[in-house]
Amino acid sequence: MESPLTLAALRGPELLPVLDDVARLRIGVFNDWPYLYQGSLDYERDYLAAYAATPDAVCVVARDGDAVVGASTGLPLLDDGAAFRKPFEEAGLDPAQVFYFGESVLLPSYRGRGIGHAFFDAREAHARALRRFAITAFCAVDRAADDPRRPPGHRDNDVFWHKRGYARQPGMTLQLLWHEVGQGEVMHPLTFWTRTLEPVA
């Protein structure tokens, strides 16, 4: 008998009991294309602790039985770093109106089962329920189409994101530094995608 697959939207400190599980998951998933991120447990703990310390943050956790197999984060943009707010300010958008989606990570064997949509549904519902946001947004790393490290047959998420109503915003880009597999510390461009958030009915 298969274990039940469940999703739970954890707010702020509710993340603490699964923080290490989510940290390990992020390290494993982001090690692959397109992020090629060589992470550390200490850094990931610190990163996720900021979500746990933010009352209006959310982490949607997917479990197969007791095992954490996926996670998706979000928080008010004003609670994130200045580098994330700057592209919105330069575009004339009020960061106070934006709920920012961090990253979604999911083990490969669980993909294609609707969990990605469920992550977006849960985060959008959370942002809508807070009743003070007009936009949801996330950013994605920009990789060259001819990058030799791109896996054969790899499909980007652009079509999926467009179906969710998100539009890429050329020019709304930030630079983030992380340790890339085989490259050391590298500065990476990430471009924002945004969507107008419908109010609560």
N, C-alpha and C. Protein backbone atom coordinates (compact mmCIF):
# COMPACT_ATOMS: atom_id res chain seq x y z
N MET A 1 0.85 -1.20 0.00
CA MET A 1 0.00 0.00 0.00
C MET A 1 0.88 1.24 0.00
N GLU A 2 0.61 2.18 -0.95
CA GLU A 2 1.44 3.38 -1.05
C GLU A 2 1.14 4.34 0.10
N SER A 3 2.18 5.08 0.51
CA SER A 3 1.99 6.11 1.53
C SER A 3 1.21 7.26 0.92
N PRO A 4 0.36 7.94 1.69
CA PRO A 4 -0.40 9.06 1.14
C PRO A 4 0.50 10.26 0.89
N LEU A 5 0.26 10.93 -0.24
CA LEU A 5 1.00 12.15 -0.57
C LEU A 5 0.18 13.33 -0.06
N THR A 6 0.77 14.15 0.80
CA THR A 6 0.05 15.25 1.41
C THR A 6 0.79 16.56 1.23
N LEU A 7 0.05 17.66 1.24
CA LEU A 7 0.63 19.00 1.20
C LEU A 7 0.14 19.79 2.41
N ALA A 8 1.06 20.55 3.01
CA ALA A 8 0.70 21.39 4.15
C ALA A 8 1.37 22.74 3.99
N ALA A 9 0.61 23.82 4.16
CA ALA A 9 1.14 25.18 4.10
C ALA A 9 1.54 25.60 5.51
N LEU A 10 2.83 25.69 5.76
CA LEU A 10 3.35 26.02 7.08
C LEU A 10 3.68 27.50 7.14
N ARG A 11 3.24 28.16 8.18
CA ARG A 11 3.49 29.59 8.33
C ARG A 11 4.57 29.85 9.36
N GLY A 12 5.52 30.70 9.00
CA GLY A 12 6.54 31.15 9.94
C GLY A 12 7.16 30.02 10.74
N PRO A 13 7.04 30.07 12.06
CA PRO A 13 7.73 29.10 12.92
C PRO A 13 7.25 27.66 12.77
N GLU A 14 6.12 27.45 12.08
CA GLU A 14 5.68 26.08 11.82
C GLU A 14 6.67 25.33 10.94
N LEU A 15 7.56 26.07 10.26
CA LEU A 15 8.58 25.46 9.41
C LEU A 15 9.69 24.78 10.21
N LEU A 16 9.89 25.19 11.44
CA LEU A 16 11.06 24.74 12.21
C LEU A 16 11.20 23.22 12.31
N PRO A 17 10.14 22.45 12.54
CA PRO A 17 10.32 21.00 12.68
C PRO A 17 10.82 20.30 11.42
N VAL A 18 10.60 20.90 10.23
CA VAL A 18 11.04 20.26 8.99
C VAL A 18 12.16 21.05 8.32
N LEU A 19 12.72 22.02 9.03
CA LEU A 19 13.72 22.89 8.41
C LEU A 19 14.89 22.11 7.84
N ASP A 20 15.45 21.17 8.58
CA ASP A 20 16.59 20.41 8.08
C ASP A 20 16.21 19.54 6.88
N ASP A 21 15.00 18.97 6.90
CA ASP A 21 14.55 18.16 5.76
C ASP A 21 14.46 19.00 4.50
N VAL A 22 13.89 20.20 4.63
CA VAL A 22 13.76 21.09 3.47
C VAL A 22 15.14 21.57 3.02
N ALA A 23 16.04 21.84 3.96
CA ALA A 23 17.39 22.27 3.61
C ALA A 23 18.11 21.21 2.77
N ARG A 24 18.02 19.96 3.20
CA ARG A 24 18.68 18.88 2.44
C ARG A 24 18.05 18.71 1.07
N LEU A 25 16.74 18.86 1.00
CA LEU A 25 16.05 18.73 -0.28
C LEU A 25 16.50 19.82 -1.24
N ARG A 26 16.60 21.05 -0.75
CA ARG A 26 17.04 22.16 -1.60
C ARG A 26 18.45 21.92 -2.13
N ILE A 27 19.34 21.46 -1.28
CA ILE A 27 20.72 21.19 -1.72
C ILE A 27 20.73 20.15 -2.84
N GLY A 28 19.96 19.10 -2.66
CA GLY A 28 19.94 18.03 -3.66
C GLY A 28 19.35 18.45 -4.99
N VAL A 29 18.20 19.13 -4.95
CA VAL A 29 17.52 19.50 -6.19
C VAL A 29 18.26 20.61 -6.92
N PHE A 30 18.74 21.61 -6.19
CA PHE A 30 19.40 22.74 -6.84
C PHE A 30 20.81 22.40 -7.33
N ASN A 31 21.31 21.23 -6.98
CA ASN A 31 22.60 20.81 -7.51
C ASN A 31 22.51 20.51 -9.01
N ASP A 32 21.29 20.26 -9.49
CA ASP A 32 21.08 19.93 -10.89
C ASP A 32 20.83 21.19 -11.71
N TRP A 33 20.81 21.01 -13.03
CA TRP A 33 20.47 22.07 -13.97
C TRP A 33 19.07 22.59 -13.66
N PRO A 34 18.81 23.91 -13.75
CA PRO A 34 19.70 24.95 -14.28
C PRO A 34 20.51 25.70 -13.22
N TYR A 35 20.33 25.37 -11.93
CA TYR A 35 21.01 26.17 -10.90
C TYR A 35 22.44 25.73 -10.65
N LEU A 36 22.68 24.42 -10.71
CA LEU A 36 24.04 23.89 -10.52
C LEU A 36 24.66 24.45 -9.25
N TYR A 37 23.85 24.46 -8.20
CA TYR A 37 24.21 25.09 -6.93
C TYR A 37 24.87 24.08 -6.01
N GLN A 38 26.04 24.44 -5.52
CA GLN A 38 26.74 23.59 -4.56
C GLN A 38 26.51 24.17 -3.17
N GLY A 39 25.48 23.67 -2.51
CA GLY A 39 25.05 24.26 -1.26
C GLY A 39 25.66 23.61 -0.03
N SER A 40 25.39 24.24 1.11
CA SER A 40 25.83 23.69 2.39
C SER A 40 24.65 23.71 3.35
N LEU A 41 24.62 22.76 4.25
CA LEU A 41 23.51 22.65 5.19
C LEU A 41 23.45 23.88 6.10
N ASP A 42 24.60 24.39 6.52
CA ASP A 42 24.60 25.56 7.40
C ASP A 42 23.98 26.77 6.71
N TYR A 43 24.34 27.00 5.44
CA TYR A 43 23.78 28.13 4.72
C TYR A 43 22.27 27.97 4.55
N GLU A 44 21.85 26.75 4.18
CA GLU A 44 20.43 26.52 3.95
C GLU A 44 19.62 26.68 5.24
N ARG A 45 20.19 26.26 6.34
CA ARG A 45 19.50 26.44 7.62
C ARG A 45 19.29 27.92 7.91
N ASP A 46 20.33 28.72 7.67
CA ASP A 46 20.23 30.17 7.92
C ASP A 46 19.19 30.79 6.98
N TYR A 47 19.22 30.37 5.72
CA TYR A 47 18.29 30.91 4.72
C TYR A 47 16.85 30.61 5.13
N LEU A 48 16.57 29.37 5.49
CA LEU A 48 15.21 28.97 5.85
C LEU A 48 14.79 29.52 7.20
N ALA A 49 15.75 29.75 8.09
CA ALA A 49 15.43 30.34 9.39
C ALA A 49 14.79 31.71 9.22
N ALA A 50 15.18 32.44 8.17
CA ALA A 50 14.58 33.75 7.90
C ALA A 50 13.10 33.61 7.58
N TYR A 51 12.74 32.56 6.85
CA TYR A 51 11.32 32.30 6.57
C TYR A 51 10.58 31.94 7.86
N ALA A 52 11.22 31.12 8.69
CA ALA A 52 10.59 30.72 9.95
C ALA A 52 10.38 31.91 10.88
N ALA A 53 11.23 32.93 10.75
CA ALA A 53 11.15 34.11 11.61
C ALA A 53 10.20 35.18 11.07
N THR A 54 9.63 34.95 9.89
CA THR A 54 8.75 35.92 9.25
C THR A 54 7.31 35.43 9.38
N PRO A 55 6.48 36.11 10.16
CA PRO A 55 5.13 35.60 10.45
C PRO A 55 4.27 35.36 9.21
N ASP A 56 4.41 36.20 8.17
CA ASP A 56 3.56 36.06 6.99
C ASP A 56 4.20 35.24 5.88
N ALA A 57 5.36 34.64 6.15
CA ALA A 57 5.98 33.74 5.18
C ALA A 57 5.23 32.41 5.16
N VAL A 58 5.41 31.67 4.07
CA VAL A 58 4.78 30.35 3.95
C VAL A 58 5.78 29.38 3.33
N CYS A 59 5.72 28.14 3.78
CA CYS A 59 6.47 27.06 3.14
C CYS A 59 5.50 25.90 2.94
N VAL A 60 5.20 25.62 1.69
CA VAL A 60 4.29 24.52 1.36
C VAL A 60 5.13 23.25 1.24
N VAL A 61 4.85 22.29 2.10
CA VAL A 61 5.65 21.07 2.18
C VAL A 61 4.86 19.89 1.65
N ALA A 62 5.46 19.15 0.71
CA ALA A 62 4.87 17.92 0.20
C ALA A 62 5.53 16.73 0.89
N ARG A 63 4.72 15.84 1.40
CA ARG A 63 5.24 14.65 2.08
C ARG A 63 4.67 13.39 1.44
N ASP A 64 5.51 12.38 1.35
CA ASP A 64 5.08 11.04 1.01
C ASP A 64 5.19 10.24 2.30
N GLY A 65 4.06 10.06 2.96
CA GLY A 65 4.12 9.53 4.31
C GLY A 65 4.78 10.54 5.21
N ASP A 66 5.87 10.16 5.85
CA ASP A 66 6.60 11.10 6.72
C ASP A 66 7.76 11.78 6.00
N ALA A 67 8.08 11.34 4.80
CA ALA A 67 9.24 11.87 4.08
C ALA A 67 8.90 13.15 3.33
N VAL A 68 9.71 14.19 3.51
CA VAL A 68 9.55 15.45 2.78
C VAL A 68 10.12 15.26 1.37
N VAL A 69 9.25 15.40 0.35
CA VAL A 69 9.68 15.17 -1.03
C VAL A 69 9.64 16.44 -1.87
N GLY A 70 9.07 17.51 -1.31
CA GLY A 70 9.00 18.76 -2.05
C GLY A 70 8.70 19.91 -1.10
N ALA A 71 9.06 21.11 -1.53
CA ALA A 71 8.79 22.30 -0.71
C ALA A 71 8.79 23.53 -1.61
N SER A 72 7.99 24.51 -1.21
CA SER A 72 7.85 25.73 -1.99
C SER A 72 7.63 26.89 -1.04
N THR A 73 8.38 27.98 -1.21
CA THR A 73 8.39 29.06 -0.23
C THR A 73 7.85 30.37 -0.79
N GLY A 74 7.48 31.25 0.11
CA GLY A 74 7.04 32.59 -0.27
C GLY A 74 7.01 33.50 0.93
N LEU A 75 7.17 34.81 0.69
CA LEU A 75 7.12 35.79 1.77
C LEU A 75 6.87 37.17 1.18
N PRO A 76 6.40 38.12 1.99
CA PRO A 76 6.26 39.49 1.48
C PRO A 76 7.60 40.02 0.97
N LEU A 77 7.57 40.67 -0.18
CA LEU A 77 8.82 41.14 -0.77
C LEU A 77 9.56 42.09 0.17
N LEU A 78 8.85 42.87 0.96
CA LEU A 78 9.50 43.78 1.89
C LEU A 78 10.31 43.04 2.95
N ASP A 79 10.01 41.78 3.17
CA ASP A 79 10.76 40.98 4.14
C ASP A 79 11.96 40.30 3.54
N ASP A 80 12.18 40.47 2.22
CA ASP A 80 13.36 39.91 1.58
C ASP A 80 14.42 40.99 1.45
N GLY A 81 15.55 40.66 0.85
CA GLY A 81 16.67 41.58 0.76
C GLY A 81 16.44 42.72 -0.21
N ALA A 82 17.23 43.78 -0.06
CA ALA A 82 17.10 44.97 -0.90
C ALA A 82 17.33 44.65 -2.37
N ALA A 83 18.20 43.67 -2.67
CA ALA A 83 18.48 43.32 -4.06
C ALA A 83 17.23 42.82 -4.78
N PHE A 84 16.31 42.18 -4.03
CA PHE A 84 15.09 41.67 -4.63
C PHE A 84 14.06 42.78 -4.83
N ARG A 85 14.09 43.79 -3.96
CA ARG A 85 13.14 44.89 -4.08
C ARG A 85 13.54 45.88 -5.18
N LYS A 86 14.82 46.04 -5.40
CA LYS A 86 15.31 47.09 -6.29
C LYS A 86 14.70 47.04 -7.70
N PRO A 87 14.62 45.86 -8.37
CA PRO A 87 14.04 45.86 -9.72
C PRO A 87 12.60 46.36 -9.75
N PHE A 88 11.84 46.11 -8.68
CA PHE A 88 10.46 46.60 -8.63
C PHE A 88 10.42 48.12 -8.44
N GLU A 89 11.27 48.59 -7.55
CA GLU A 89 11.33 50.04 -7.33
C GLU A 89 11.74 50.76 -8.60
N GLU A 90 12.70 50.21 -9.33
CA GLU A 90 13.16 50.85 -10.57
C GLU A 90 12.09 50.80 -11.65
N ALA A 91 11.19 49.82 -11.57
CA ALA A 91 10.09 49.71 -12.54
C ALA A 91 8.87 50.50 -12.10
N GLY A 92 8.97 51.22 -10.98
CA GLY A 92 7.86 52.02 -10.50
C GLY A 92 6.78 51.23 -9.80
N LEU A 93 7.11 50.03 -9.32
CA LEU A 93 6.16 49.17 -8.62
C LEU A 93 6.46 49.20 -7.13
N ASP A 94 5.42 49.29 -6.33
CA ASP A 94 5.57 49.36 -4.88
C ASP A 94 5.87 47.97 -4.31
N PRO A 95 7.04 47.75 -3.72
CA PRO A 95 7.36 46.43 -3.17
C PRO A 95 6.37 45.96 -2.10
N ALA A 96 5.71 46.91 -1.45
CA ALA A 96 4.74 46.54 -0.42
C ALA A 96 3.53 45.82 -1.01
N GLN A 97 3.35 45.94 -2.33
CA GLN A 97 2.23 45.30 -3.01
C GLN A 97 2.57 43.91 -3.54
N VAL A 98 3.82 43.48 -3.33
CA VAL A 98 4.31 42.25 -3.96
C VAL A 98 4.54 41.14 -2.94
N PHE A 99 3.99 39.97 -3.24
CA PHE A 99 4.31 38.77 -2.47
C PHE A 99 5.26 37.95 -3.33
N TYR A 100 6.43 37.68 -2.77
CA TYR A 100 7.51 37.04 -3.54
C TYR A 100 7.55 35.54 -3.28
N PHE A 101 7.55 34.77 -4.35
CA PHE A 101 7.71 33.33 -4.26
C PHE A 101 9.20 32.99 -4.34
N GLY A 102 9.69 32.31 -3.32
CA GLY A 102 11.08 31.85 -3.35
C GLY A 102 11.21 30.69 -4.33
N GLU A 103 11.69 29.59 -3.87
CA GLU A 103 11.96 28.47 -4.77
C GLU A 103 10.99 27.31 -4.52
N SER A 104 10.76 26.54 -5.58
CA SER A 104 10.05 25.28 -5.46
C SER A 104 11.02 24.15 -5.78
N VAL A 105 11.07 23.17 -4.90
CA VAL A 105 11.93 22.02 -5.13
C VAL A 105 11.11 20.75 -4.95
N LEU A 106 11.34 19.79 -5.84
CA LEU A 106 10.57 18.55 -5.82
C LEU A 106 11.45 17.43 -6.35
N LEU A 107 11.47 16.32 -5.65
CA LEU A 107 12.27 15.18 -6.11
C LEU A 107 11.80 14.74 -7.50
N PRO A 108 12.73 14.36 -8.38
CA PRO A 108 12.36 14.03 -9.77
C PRO A 108 11.25 12.99 -9.89
N SER A 109 11.25 12.00 -9.02
CA SER A 109 10.26 10.92 -9.15
C SER A 109 8.83 11.37 -8.84
N TYR A 110 8.66 12.58 -8.32
CA TYR A 110 7.34 13.08 -7.98
C TYR A 110 6.85 14.15 -8.95
N ARG A 111 7.63 14.43 -9.98
CA ARG A 111 7.25 15.46 -10.94
C ARG A 111 6.23 14.91 -11.93
N GLY A 112 5.46 15.82 -12.50
CA GLY A 112 4.43 15.41 -13.45
C GLY A 112 3.16 14.89 -12.81
N ARG A 113 2.99 15.15 -11.52
CA ARG A 113 1.81 14.66 -10.80
C ARG A 113 0.95 15.79 -10.26
N GLY A 114 1.17 17.00 -10.77
CA GLY A 114 0.34 18.14 -10.38
C GLY A 114 0.81 18.87 -9.13
N ILE A 115 1.93 18.45 -8.56
CA ILE A 115 2.40 19.08 -7.33
C ILE A 115 2.88 20.51 -7.58
N GLY A 116 3.49 20.73 -8.75
CA GLY A 116 3.92 22.09 -9.08
C GLY A 116 2.75 23.06 -9.10
N HIS A 117 1.63 22.66 -9.70
CA HIS A 117 0.43 23.50 -9.70
C HIS A 117 -0.08 23.70 -8.27
N ALA A 118 -0.04 22.63 -7.49
CA ALA A 118 -0.51 22.73 -6.10
C ALA A 118 0.34 23.71 -5.30
N PHE A 119 1.64 23.73 -5.56
CA PHE A 119 2.52 24.70 -4.89
C PHE A 119 2.09 26.13 -5.22
N PHE A 120 1.84 26.40 -6.50
CA PHE A 120 1.40 27.75 -6.88
C PHE A 120 0.03 28.06 -6.29
N ASP A 121 -0.88 27.12 -6.36
CA ASP A 121 -2.22 27.35 -5.80
C ASP A 121 -2.14 27.74 -4.32
N ALA A 122 -1.34 26.99 -3.57
CA ALA A 122 -1.26 27.22 -2.12
C ALA A 122 -0.61 28.56 -1.81
N ARG A 123 0.45 28.91 -2.54
CA ARG A 123 1.12 30.18 -2.26
C ARG A 123 0.27 31.37 -2.68
N GLU A 124 -0.42 31.25 -3.82
CA GLU A 124 -1.30 32.33 -4.26
C GLU A 124 -2.46 32.51 -3.27
N ALA A 125 -3.01 31.40 -2.78
CA ALA A 125 -4.09 31.48 -1.81
C ALA A 125 -3.61 32.14 -0.52
N HIS A 126 -2.39 31.81 -0.11
CA HIS A 126 -1.82 32.41 1.09
C HIS A 126 -1.66 33.92 0.92
N ALA A 127 -1.10 34.33 -0.22
CA ALA A 127 -0.91 35.76 -0.49
C ALA A 127 -2.25 36.48 -0.56
N ARG A 128 -3.23 35.85 -1.19
CA ARG A 128 -4.55 36.47 -1.33
C ARG A 128 -5.21 36.65 0.04
N ALA A 129 -5.05 35.65 0.90
CA ALA A 129 -5.67 35.71 2.22
C ALA A 129 -5.09 36.81 3.09
N LEU A 130 -3.87 37.23 2.81
CA LEU A 130 -3.26 38.32 3.58
C LEU A 130 -3.85 39.67 3.23
N ARG A 131 -4.53 39.76 2.08
CA ARG A 131 -5.36 40.92 1.70
C ARG A 131 -4.59 42.23 1.56
N ARG A 132 -3.32 42.17 1.22
CA ARG A 132 -2.62 43.44 1.01
C ARG A 132 -1.66 43.39 -0.19
N PHE A 133 -1.79 42.36 -1.02
CA PHE A 133 -0.88 42.20 -2.15
C PHE A 133 -1.64 42.24 -3.47
N ALA A 134 -1.04 42.91 -4.46
CA ALA A 134 -1.63 43.02 -5.79
C ALA A 134 -0.89 42.19 -6.83
N ILE A 135 0.31 41.76 -6.48
CA ILE A 135 1.17 41.04 -7.44
C ILE A 135 1.85 39.87 -6.73
N THR A 136 1.95 38.75 -7.43
CA THR A 136 2.84 37.67 -6.99
C THR A 136 3.97 37.59 -8.02
N ALA A 137 5.15 37.23 -7.54
CA ALA A 137 6.33 37.27 -8.41
C ALA A 137 7.36 36.25 -7.96
N PHE A 138 8.19 35.84 -8.91
CA PHE A 138 9.35 35.01 -8.61
C PHE A 138 10.42 35.35 -9.62
N CYS A 139 11.62 34.88 -9.41
CA CYS A 139 12.68 35.07 -10.40
C CYS A 139 13.32 33.74 -10.74
N ALA A 140 13.84 33.65 -11.95
CA ALA A 140 14.45 32.42 -12.44
C ALA A 140 15.80 32.73 -13.08
N VAL A 141 16.75 31.83 -12.88
CA VAL A 141 18.09 32.05 -13.41
C VAL A 141 18.07 32.04 -14.94
N ASP A 142 18.83 32.93 -15.53
CA ASP A 142 18.95 33.00 -16.98
C ASP A 142 20.14 32.16 -17.43
N ARG A 143 19.87 31.19 -18.29
CA ARG A 143 20.93 30.34 -18.84
C ARG A 143 20.88 30.41 -20.37
N ALA A 144 22.04 30.40 -21.00
CA ALA A 144 22.11 30.43 -22.46
C ALA A 144 21.53 29.15 -23.04
N ALA A 145 20.79 29.29 -24.15
CA ALA A 145 20.18 28.12 -24.78
C ALA A 145 21.22 27.12 -25.26
N ASP A 146 22.43 27.62 -25.57
CA ASP A 146 23.49 26.72 -26.08
C ASP A 146 24.51 26.35 -25.02
N ASP A 147 24.18 26.55 -23.74
CA ASP A 147 25.09 26.16 -22.67
C ASP A 147 25.34 24.65 -22.77
N PRO A 148 26.61 24.24 -22.90
CA PRO A 148 26.90 22.81 -23.10
C PRO A 148 26.52 21.93 -21.92
N ARG A 149 26.25 22.55 -20.77
CA ARG A 149 25.87 21.77 -19.60
C ARG A 149 24.38 21.45 -19.55
N ARG A 150 23.61 22.05 -20.47
CA ARG A 150 22.17 21.80 -20.51
C ARG A 150 21.93 20.32 -20.83
N PRO A 151 21.17 19.62 -20.00
CA PRO A 151 20.94 18.19 -20.26
C PRO A 151 20.16 17.98 -21.57
N PRO A 152 20.47 16.94 -22.31
CA PRO A 152 19.73 16.65 -23.55
C PRO A 152 18.23 16.48 -23.25
N GLY A 153 17.42 17.15 -24.06
CA GLY A 153 15.99 17.02 -23.90
C GLY A 153 15.39 17.82 -22.77
N HIS A 154 16.20 18.63 -22.10
CA HIS A 154 15.68 19.41 -20.97
C HIS A 154 14.64 20.41 -21.45
N ARG A 155 13.52 20.49 -20.71
CA ARG A 155 12.48 21.47 -21.01
C ARG A 155 12.42 22.50 -19.89
N ASP A 156 12.54 23.75 -20.27
CA ASP A 156 12.43 24.82 -19.27
C ASP A 156 10.98 24.90 -18.78
N ASN A 157 10.78 25.66 -17.70
CA ASN A 157 9.44 25.78 -17.11
C ASN A 157 8.62 26.93 -17.69
N ASP A 158 9.13 27.59 -18.74
CA ASP A 158 8.47 28.78 -19.25
C ASP A 158 7.01 28.51 -19.63
N VAL A 159 6.73 27.41 -20.31
CA VAL A 159 5.36 27.11 -20.74
C VAL A 159 4.46 26.92 -19.52
N PHE A 160 4.95 26.21 -18.52
CA PHE A 160 4.19 26.00 -17.29
C PHE A 160 3.88 27.33 -16.61
N TRP A 161 4.89 28.20 -16.50
CA TRP A 161 4.69 29.49 -15.85
C TRP A 161 3.71 30.36 -16.62
N HIS A 162 3.79 30.34 -17.96
CA HIS A 162 2.84 31.11 -18.76
C HIS A 162 1.41 30.60 -18.52
N LYS A 163 1.24 29.29 -18.43
CA LYS A 163 -0.09 28.72 -18.19
C LYS A 163 -0.63 29.16 -16.83
N ARG A 164 0.27 29.43 -15.89
CA ARG A 164 -0.16 29.91 -14.58
C ARG A 164 -0.48 31.40 -14.59
N GLY A 165 -0.28 32.06 -15.73
CA GLY A 165 -0.59 33.48 -15.84
C GLY A 165 0.57 34.41 -15.57
N TYR A 166 1.78 33.87 -15.50
CA TYR A 166 2.96 34.69 -15.21
C TYR A 166 3.62 35.16 -16.51
N ALA A 167 4.15 36.35 -16.47
CA ALA A 167 4.84 36.92 -17.63
C ALA A 167 6.26 37.32 -17.23
N ARG A 168 7.20 36.96 -18.07
CA ARG A 168 8.60 37.34 -17.83
C ARG A 168 8.73 38.84 -18.05
N GLN A 169 9.52 39.49 -17.18
CA GLN A 169 9.68 40.94 -17.22
C GLN A 169 11.12 41.29 -17.60
N PRO A 170 11.43 41.34 -18.90
CA PRO A 170 12.79 41.69 -19.31
C PRO A 170 13.21 43.03 -18.72
N GLY A 171 14.41 43.07 -18.22
CA GLY A 171 14.92 44.28 -17.57
C GLY A 171 14.76 44.27 -16.07
N MET A 172 13.81 43.48 -15.56
CA MET A 172 13.67 43.34 -14.12
C MET A 172 14.53 42.16 -13.68
N THR A 173 15.81 42.43 -13.54
CA THR A 173 16.80 41.38 -13.29
C THR A 173 17.67 41.76 -12.10
N LEU A 174 18.06 40.76 -11.34
CA LEU A 174 19.02 40.98 -10.26
C LEU A 174 20.17 40.01 -10.44
N GLN A 175 21.25 40.27 -9.73
CA GLN A 175 22.45 39.43 -9.78
C GLN A 175 22.63 38.77 -8.41
N LEU A 176 22.79 37.45 -8.42
CA LEU A 176 23.01 36.72 -7.18
C LEU A 176 24.27 35.87 -7.30
N LEU A 177 25.02 35.84 -6.21
CA LEU A 177 26.26 35.06 -6.16
C LEU A 177 25.98 33.74 -5.47
N TRP A 178 26.40 32.64 -6.11
CA TRP A 178 26.40 31.36 -5.40
C TRP A 178 27.51 30.47 -5.94
N HIS A 179 27.82 29.45 -5.15
CA HIS A 179 28.90 28.52 -5.50
C HIS A 179 28.35 27.52 -6.51
N GLU A 180 28.85 27.61 -7.74
CA GLU A 180 28.37 26.74 -8.80
C GLU A 180 29.26 25.51 -8.92
N VAL A 181 28.63 24.38 -9.20
CA VAL A 181 29.34 23.12 -9.32
C VAL A 181 30.48 23.25 -10.35
N GLY A 182 31.70 22.99 -9.91
CA GLY A 182 32.86 23.01 -10.79
C GLY A 182 33.34 24.39 -11.19
N GLN A 183 32.71 25.46 -10.66
CA GLN A 183 33.05 26.81 -11.09
C GLN A 183 33.49 27.73 -9.95
N GLY A 184 33.20 27.38 -8.72
CA GLY A 184 33.46 28.29 -7.60
C GLY A 184 32.36 29.34 -7.51
N GLU A 185 32.67 30.49 -6.90
CA GLU A 185 31.69 31.55 -6.74
C GLU A 185 31.43 32.25 -8.08
N VAL A 186 30.18 32.28 -8.50
CA VAL A 186 29.81 32.87 -9.79
C VAL A 186 28.60 33.78 -9.59
N MET A 187 28.62 34.94 -10.25
CA MET A 187 27.47 35.85 -10.22
C MET A 187 26.49 35.43 -11.32
N HIS A 188 25.21 35.31 -10.95
CA HIS A 188 24.20 34.81 -11.88
C HIS A 188 23.09 35.84 -12.06
N PRO A 189 22.65 36.06 -13.31
CA PRO A 189 21.49 36.92 -13.54
C PRO A 189 20.19 36.11 -13.38
N LEU A 190 19.21 36.71 -12.69
CA LEU A 190 17.89 36.11 -12.54
C LEU A 190 16.86 37.16 -12.92
N THR A 191 15.89 36.77 -13.74
CA THR A 191 14.86 37.69 -14.21
C THR A 191 13.52 37.37 -13.56
N PHE A 192 12.76 38.42 -13.24
CA PHE A 192 11.49 38.25 -12.56
C PHE A 192 10.36 37.91 -13.52
N TRP A 193 9.43 37.13 -13.00
CA TRP A 193 8.14 36.84 -13.62
C TRP A 193 7.08 37.34 -12.67
N THR A 194 6.02 37.97 -13.19
CA THR A 194 4.99 38.53 -12.32
C THR A 194 3.59 38.16 -12.82
N ARG A 195 2.65 38.26 -11.90
CA ARG A 195 1.25 37.99 -12.19
C ARG A 195 0.39 38.86 -11.29
N THR A 196 -0.70 39.42 -11.83
CA THR A 196 -1.63 40.17 -11.02
C THR A 196 -2.42 39.20 -10.14
N LEU A 197 -2.49 39.48 -8.86
CA LEU A 197 -3.18 38.62 -7.91
C LEU A 197 -4.62 39.07 -7.77
N GLU A 198 -5.56 38.16 -8.07
CA GLU A 198 -6.97 38.49 -7.92
C GLU A 198 -7.29 38.65 -6.43
N PRO A 199 -8.17 39.59 -6.10
CA PRO A 199 -8.55 39.76 -4.69
C PRO A 199 -9.42 38.60 -4.22
N VAL A 200 -9.59 38.51 -2.92
CA VAL A 200 -10.48 37.50 -2.35
C VAL A 200 -11.89 37.76 -2.82
N ALA A 201 -12.56 36.72 -3.27
CA ALA A 201 -13.92 36.87 -3.79
C ALA A 201 -14.88 37.29 -2.68
